[in-house]
Amino acid sequence: MTKKRKFDQIRDLILNTIGSDKKTINQIAANSKINWKTVDRHIIYLIGKGMVKEVFSSPYVKIVELTEKGKEYLEVVSA
């Protein structure tokens, strides 16, 4: 049986996957190997925390990028 990842592990993986680029939800899901619906739900949380911002949104596509707060968080976690 595989061990379930915790929310903070999933969010850290999502933030690392976004990196310095703008990415769609599907790109993040494919690169991180996380279900797109899970990515979408965690992105909503990360937007609320100010770590990610929506650059573009339509009914079919959502593009996000890291904010300065998100970049600073990744530097602290990576160190």
C-alpha atoms as a PDB file:
ATOM      1  CA  MET A   1       0.000   0.000   0.000  1.00  0.00           C
ATOM      2  CA  THR A   2       1.334   3.448  -0.883  1.00  0.00           C
ATOM      3  CA  LYS A   3       1.734   6.045   1.807  1.00  0.00           C
ATOM      4  CA  LYS A   4      -0.567   9.048   1.450  1.00  0.00           C
ATOM      5  CA  ARG A   5       1.060  12.447   1.080  1.00  0.00           C
ATOM      6  CA  LYS A   6       0.164  15.148   3.552  1.00  0.00           C
ATOM      7  CA  PHE A   7      -1.300  18.496   2.506  1.00  0.00           C
ATOM      8  CA  ASP A   8       1.919  20.399   3.171  1.00  0.00           C
ATOM      9  CA  GLN A   9       3.899  17.919   1.045  1.00  0.00           C
ATOM     10  CA  ILE A  10       1.424  18.292  -1.827  1.00  0.00           C
ATOM     11  CA  ARG A  11       1.501  22.100  -1.582  1.00  0.00           C
ATOM     12  CA  ASP A  12       5.299  22.201  -1.497  1.00  0.00           C
ATOM     13  CA  LEU A  13       5.404  19.968  -4.577  1.00  0.00           C
ATOM     14  CA  ILE A  14       2.921  22.234  -6.378  1.00  0.00           C
ATOM     15  CA  LEU A  15       4.941  25.354  -5.506  1.00  0.00           C
ATOM     16  CA  ASN A  16       8.171  23.706  -6.688  1.00  0.00           C
ATOM     17  CA  THR A  17       6.484  22.616  -9.911  1.00  0.00           C
ATOM     18  CA  ILE A  18       5.294  26.156 -10.671  1.00  0.00           C
ATOM     19  CA  GLY A  19       8.777  27.555 -10.040  1.00  0.00           C
ATOM     20  CA  SER A  20       9.513  30.799 -11.851  1.00  0.00           C
ATOM     21  CA  ASP A  21       7.201  30.097 -14.810  1.00  0.00           C
ATOM     22  CA  LYS A  22       3.522  30.635 -15.451  1.00  0.00           C
ATOM     23  CA  LYS A  23       1.737  27.289 -15.601  1.00  0.00           C
ATOM     24  CA  THR A  24      -1.732  25.920 -16.184  1.00  0.00           C
ATOM     25  CA  ILE A  25      -3.397  23.560 -13.728  1.00  0.00           C
ATOM     26  CA  ASN A  26      -2.939  20.688 -16.196  1.00  0.00           C
ATOM     27  CA  GLN A  27       0.789  21.413 -16.620  1.00  0.00           C
ATOM     28  CA  ILE A  28       1.251  21.411 -12.851  1.00  0.00           C
ATOM     29  CA  ALA A  29      -0.725  18.169 -12.538  1.00  0.00           C
ATOM     30  CA  ALA A  30       1.256  16.424 -15.279  1.00  0.00           C
ATOM     31  CA  ASN A  31       4.673  17.566 -14.016  1.00  0.00           C
ATOM     32  CA  SER A  32       3.982  16.789 -10.353  1.00  0.00           C
ATOM     33  CA  LYS A  33       1.966  13.602 -11.000  1.00  0.00           C
ATOM     34  CA  ILE A  34      -0.919  14.889  -8.878  1.00  0.00           C
ATOM     35  CA  ASN A  35      -4.548  14.628  -9.977  1.00  0.00           C
ATOM     36  CA  TRP A  36      -5.674  17.897 -11.642  1.00  0.00           C
ATOM     37  CA  LYS A  37      -8.662  18.274  -9.303  1.00  0.00           C
ATOM     38  CA  THR A  38      -6.386  18.000  -6.258  1.00  0.00           C
ATOM     39  CA  VAL A  39      -4.037  20.581  -7.802  1.00  0.00           C
ATOM     40  CA  ASP A  40      -6.974  22.918  -8.432  1.00  0.00           C
ATOM     41  CA  ARG A  41      -8.174  22.666  -4.816  1.00  0.00           C
ATOM     42  CA  HIS A  42      -4.706  23.301  -3.392  1.00  0.00           C
ATOM     43  CA  ILE A  43      -4.159  26.227  -5.791  1.00  0.00           C
ATOM     44  CA  ILE A  44      -7.283  27.849  -4.334  1.00  0.00           C
ATOM     45  CA  TYR A  45      -5.755  27.472  -0.856  1.00  0.00           C
ATOM     46  CA  LEU A  46      -2.383  28.835  -2.016  1.00  0.00           C
ATOM     47  CA  ILE A  47      -4.076  31.838  -3.662  1.00  0.00           C
ATOM     48  CA  GLY A  48      -5.832  32.543  -0.359  1.00  0.00           C
ATOM     49  CA  LYS A  49      -2.477  32.425   1.464  1.00  0.00           C
ATOM     50  CA  GLY A  50      -0.964  34.848  -1.062  1.00  0.00           C
ATOM     51  CA  MET A  51       1.669  32.413  -2.339  1.00  0.00           C
ATOM     52  CA  VAL A  52       0.210  32.040  -5.824  1.00  0.00           C
ATOM     53  CA  LYS A  53      -1.731  34.428  -8.031  1.00  0.00           C
ATOM     54  CA  GLU A  54      -4.019  33.819 -10.957  1.00  0.00           C
ATOM     55  CA  VAL A  55      -2.637  35.360 -14.127  1.00  0.00           C
ATOM     56  CA  PHE A  56      -5.462  34.239 -16.413  1.00  0.00           C
ATOM     57  CA  SER A  57      -8.731  32.436 -15.867  1.00  0.00           C
ATOM     58  CA  SER A  58     -11.444  31.195 -18.200  1.00  0.00           C
ATOM     59  CA  PRO A  59     -13.972  28.379 -17.885  1.00  0.00           C
ATOM     60  CA  TYR A  60     -11.426  26.011 -19.472  1.00  0.00           C
ATOM     61  CA  VAL A  61      -7.985  27.256 -18.404  1.00  0.00           C
ATOM     62  CA  LYS A  62      -6.459  28.691 -15.240  1.00  0.00           C
ATOM     63  CA  ILE A  63      -2.894  30.031 -15.383  1.00  0.00           C
ATOM     64  CA  VAL A  64      -1.016  30.758 -12.152  1.00  0.00           C
ATOM     65  CA  GLU A  65       2.389  32.001 -11.049  1.00  0.00           C
ATOM     66  CA  LEU A  66       4.231  32.372  -7.753  1.00  0.00           C
ATOM     67  CA  THR A  67       4.055  35.631  -5.832  1.00  0.00           C
ATOM     68  CA  GLU A  68       7.023  37.083  -3.966  1.00  0.00           C
ATOM     69  CA  LYS A  69       5.688  35.467  -0.795  1.00  0.00           C
ATOM     70  CA  GLY A  70       5.629  32.082  -2.555  1.00  0.00           C
ATOM     71  CA  LYS A  71       9.184  32.531  -3.846  1.00  0.00           C
ATOM     72  CA  GLU A  72      10.424  33.489  -0.381  1.00  0.00           C
ATOM     73  CA  TYR A  73       8.694  30.440   1.117  1.00  0.00           C
ATOM     74  CA  LEU A  74      10.385  28.137  -1.409  1.00  0.00           C
ATOM     75  CA  GLU A  75      13.797  29.637  -0.601  1.00  0.00           C
ATOM     76  CA  VAL A  76      13.274  28.963   3.118  1.00  0.00           C
ATOM     77  CA  VAL A  77      11.994  25.417   2.540  1.00  0.00           C
ATOM     78  CA  SER A  78      14.782  24.580   0.067  1.00  0.00           C
ATOM     79  CA  ALA A  79      17.555  25.807   2.383  1.00  0.00           C
END
